[in-house]
Protein backbone atom coordinates (compact mmCIF):
# COMPACT_ATOMS: atom_id res chain seq x y z
CA UNK A 1 -74.74 47.04 -180.80
CA UNK A 2 -72.96 43.89 -182.59
CA UNK A 3 -74.74 40.81 -183.64
CA UNK A 4 -72.51 38.96 -181.14
CA UNK A 5 -73.49 41.19 -178.22
CA UNK A 6 -77.45 41.00 -179.24
CA UNK A 7 -76.95 36.91 -179.45
CA UNK A 8 -75.02 36.56 -176.03
CA UNK A 9 -77.20 35.21 -173.20
CA UNK A 10 -76.75 36.80 -169.77
CA UNK A 11 -76.96 33.57 -168.21
CA UNK A 12 -76.56 29.96 -170.00
CA UNK A 13 -78.51 27.74 -167.47
CA UNK A 14 -76.80 24.38 -168.36
CA UNK A 15 -80.16 22.28 -168.08
CA UNK A 16 -83.70 22.76 -168.93
CA UNK A 17 -86.31 25.30 -167.48
CA UNK A 18 -86.43 23.27 -164.32
CA UNK A 19 -83.11 24.42 -163.49
CA UNK A 20 -84.07 27.84 -162.95
CA UNK A 21 -84.60 28.13 -159.28
CA UNK A 22 -86.34 31.08 -157.34
CA UNK A 23 -82.90 31.09 -155.66
CA UNK A 24 -81.37 32.10 -159.25
CA UNK A 25 -84.19 34.93 -159.93
CA UNK A 26 -83.18 36.58 -156.63
CA UNK A 27 -79.54 36.20 -157.27
CA UNK A 28 -80.00 38.35 -160.37
CA UNK A 29 -82.85 40.62 -159.00
CA UNK A 30 -85.54 39.32 -161.51
CA UNK A 31 -89.16 39.56 -160.61
CA UNK A 32 -90.53 38.73 -163.66
CA UNK A 33 -90.11 36.08 -166.67
CA UNK A 34 -91.40 35.64 -170.06
CA UNK A 35 -91.00 32.40 -171.15
CA UNK A 36 -90.94 30.81 -174.59
CA UNK A 37 -92.99 27.63 -174.90
CA UNK A 38 -91.78 25.46 -177.78
CA UNK A 39 -88.81 23.30 -176.22
CA UNK A 40 -88.90 25.38 -173.43
CA UNK A 41 -91.64 24.48 -171.56
CA UNK A 42 -93.01 21.58 -173.39
CA UNK A 43 -91.68 19.80 -176.37
CA UNK A 44 -93.06 21.03 -179.81
CA UNK A 45 -95.23 17.97 -180.51
CA UNK A 46 -96.77 18.08 -177.04
CA UNK A 47 -99.57 19.83 -175.62
CA UNK A 48 -99.83 18.65 -172.23
CA UNK A 49 -97.10 19.97 -169.17
CA UNK A 50 -95.32 17.54 -167.32
CA UNK A 51 -96.32 17.31 -163.55
CA UNK A 52 -92.78 18.50 -162.75
CA UNK A 53 -93.25 21.59 -164.83
CA UNK A 54 -96.26 22.42 -163.08
CA UNK A 55 -94.60 22.03 -159.73
CA UNK A 56 -91.94 24.35 -161.10
CA UNK A 57 -94.29 26.94 -162.20
CA UNK A 58 -95.72 27.24 -158.65
CA UNK A 59 -92.58 27.80 -156.86
CA UNK A 60 -91.60 30.11 -159.61
CA UNK A 61 -94.83 32.31 -159.44
CA UNK A 62 -94.44 32.64 -155.56
CA UNK A 63 -91.43 35.12 -156.53
CA UNK A 64 -92.23 36.26 -159.82
CA UNK A 65 -94.53 37.50 -162.44
CA UNK A 66 -94.95 35.04 -165.44
CA UNK A 67 -95.98 35.28 -169.12
CA UNK A 68 -95.71 32.79 -171.89
CA UNK A 69 -94.73 34.60 -175.23
CA UNK A 70 -94.71 32.32 -178.33
CA UNK A 71 -93.96 32.48 -182.10
CA UNK A 72 -96.46 29.55 -182.25
CA UNK A 73 -99.50 30.63 -184.21
CA UNK A 74 -101.84 27.48 -182.74
CA UNK A 75 -103.23 29.83 -180.20
CA UNK A 76 -105.51 26.55 -179.14
CA UNK A 77 -102.10 24.65 -178.17
CA UNK A 78 -100.75 27.53 -176.68
CA UNK A 79 -103.63 28.55 -174.78
CA UNK A 80 -104.16 25.01 -173.27
CA UNK A 81 -100.53 25.17 -171.72
CA UNK A 82 -101.09 28.33 -170.29
CA UNK A 83 -104.38 27.38 -168.77
CA UNK A 84 -102.79 24.07 -167.41
CA UNK A 85 -100.08 26.85 -165.91
CA UNK A 86 -102.52 29.38 -165.04
CA UNK A 87 -100.47 31.85 -166.66
CA UNK A 88 -101.31 34.66 -169.48
CA UNK A 89 -99.80 34.47 -172.83
CA UNK A 90 -99.33 35.96 -176.18
CA UNK A 91 -99.22 33.68 -179.39
CA UNK A 92 -97.76 34.72 -182.88
CA UNK A 93 -94.94 36.79 -181.39
CA UNK A 94 -92.53 36.83 -184.32
CA UNK A 95 -89.45 36.89 -182.12
CA UNK A 96 -87.03 38.40 -182.45
CA UNK A 97 -89.47 41.25 -182.83
CA UNK A 98 -90.05 43.14 -179.68
CA UNK A 99 -93.85 43.90 -179.97
CA UNK A 100 -95.29 40.93 -177.95
CA UNK A 101 -92.33 41.19 -175.45
CA UNK A 102 -93.26 44.66 -174.85
CA UNK A 103 -96.71 43.96 -174.48
CA UNK A 104 -96.28 41.31 -171.96
CA UNK A 105 -93.46 43.74 -170.10
CA UNK A 106 -96.25 46.71 -170.18
CA UNK A 107 -98.82 44.24 -168.40
CA UNK A 108 -96.26 43.05 -165.87
CA UNK A 109 -95.74 46.71 -164.82
CA UNK A 110 -91.99 45.82 -163.93
CA UNK A 111 -88.62 47.82 -164.69
CA UNK A 112 -87.20 45.82 -167.81
CA UNK A 113 -84.17 45.09 -166.11
CA UNK A 114 -86.04 42.97 -163.57
CA UNK A 115 -87.64 40.86 -166.29
CA UNK A 116 -85.80 37.76 -168.07
CA UNK A 117 -86.88 36.54 -171.37
CA UNK A 118 -86.23 32.76 -171.08
CA UNK A 119 -86.01 30.37 -173.93
CA UNK A 120 -84.08 27.76 -175.64
CA UNK A 121 -83.17 29.63 -179.02
CA UNK A 122 -80.55 31.79 -179.59
CA UNK A 123 -81.85 33.86 -182.98
CA UNK A 124 -85.51 34.38 -181.57
CA UNK A 125 -85.67 34.39 -177.60
CA UNK A 126 -82.25 35.52 -176.64
CA UNK A 127 -82.07 38.06 -179.50
CA UNK A 128 -85.30 39.19 -178.85
CA UNK A 129 -84.96 39.87 -174.93
CA UNK A 130 -81.49 41.42 -175.79
CA UNK A 131 -82.98 43.99 -178.38
CA UNK A 132 -85.56 45.35 -175.58
CA UNK A 133 -82.88 45.25 -172.93
CA UNK A 134 -84.07 42.36 -170.73
CA UNK A 135 -82.03 39.91 -168.94
CA UNK A 136 -81.63 36.65 -171.13
CA UNK A 137 -81.57 33.08 -170.35
CA UNK A 138 -80.53 30.20 -172.51
CA UNK A 139 -82.21 27.03 -171.41
CA UNK A 140 -81.82 23.62 -172.83
CA UNK A 141 -84.76 22.22 -174.79
CA UNK A 142 -87.48 20.29 -172.78
CA UNK A 143 -87.06 16.67 -173.96
CA UNK A 144 -90.21 14.27 -174.45
CA UNK A 145 -90.29 11.87 -171.53
CA UNK A 146 -89.23 8.88 -173.55
CA UNK A 147 -87.08 10.82 -175.86
CA UNK A 148 -82.81 11.35 -175.68
CA UNK A 149 -82.26 14.91 -176.67
CA UNK A 150 -80.43 15.52 -179.79
CA UNK A 151 -79.95 19.06 -180.80
CA UNK A 152 -81.83 20.19 -183.59
CA UNK A 153 -80.26 20.82 -187.15
CA UNK A 154 -81.47 24.57 -186.72
CA UNK A 155 -80.11 25.03 -182.96
CA UNK A 156 -76.65 23.38 -183.93
CA UNK A 157 -76.71 25.76 -186.67
CA UNK A 158 -77.81 28.66 -184.27
CA UNK A 159 -75.07 27.99 -181.91
CA UNK A 160 -72.32 27.51 -184.51
CA UNK A 161 -72.93 30.91 -186.01
CA UNK A 162 -73.28 32.48 -182.43
CA UNK A 163 -69.87 31.00 -181.34
CA UNK A 164 -68.11 31.80 -184.61
CA UNK A 165 -69.22 35.45 -183.79
CA UNK A 166 -67.72 35.34 -180.40
CA UNK A 167 -70.61 34.54 -177.99
CA UNK A 168 -69.81 32.38 -174.90
CA UNK A 169 -72.22 29.57 -173.76
CA UNK A 170 -70.42 28.28 -171.25
CA UNK A 171 -73.00 27.27 -168.30
CA UNK A 172 -72.79 29.16 -165.03
CA UNK A 173 -72.31 26.06 -162.68
CA UNK A 174 -72.35 27.76 -159.57
CA UNK A 175 -76.06 29.02 -159.73
CA UNK A 176 -77.84 26.57 -161.96
CA UNK A 177 -79.51 24.23 -159.47
CA UNK A 178 -82.68 22.09 -159.98
CA UNK A 179 -85.77 23.91 -158.04
CA UNK A 180 -86.38 21.59 -154.75
């Protein structure tokens, strides 16, 4: 499998995680989600979840099994976020390693083709999900409430390299609608 294939998300959401609706999951026959945490669910420097995220999670958990799998080694921070959202979690994942994703998949008891890896990074989240054969969803980073989002230099570099390799990062406008 080529590097460009491994970096190609199955879906570019064209918004942050709050744009991933139960209808999108149904459209792609997804019954489980493995979610990155840092900048996917909450900004890196934040340990609290926004009310909108908690509401979104409630809607998603009605239709899908959810696990958090983070590269972050700060188990206290990730635990706090997982507890606030009432979902299981794994830390120190070392993505793009497949080990912790496989652990979450096993716990979900779902076929790999019905579980999506959702994250904001190509070289960790999308690469890890594609390496294990999961459906992969690229989302925009979650901004701080008082912050205008500027792409991080690392994310910009990842996107530039991926596009150079032939990865298409065009958002799927026809299905990316915010959850009601």
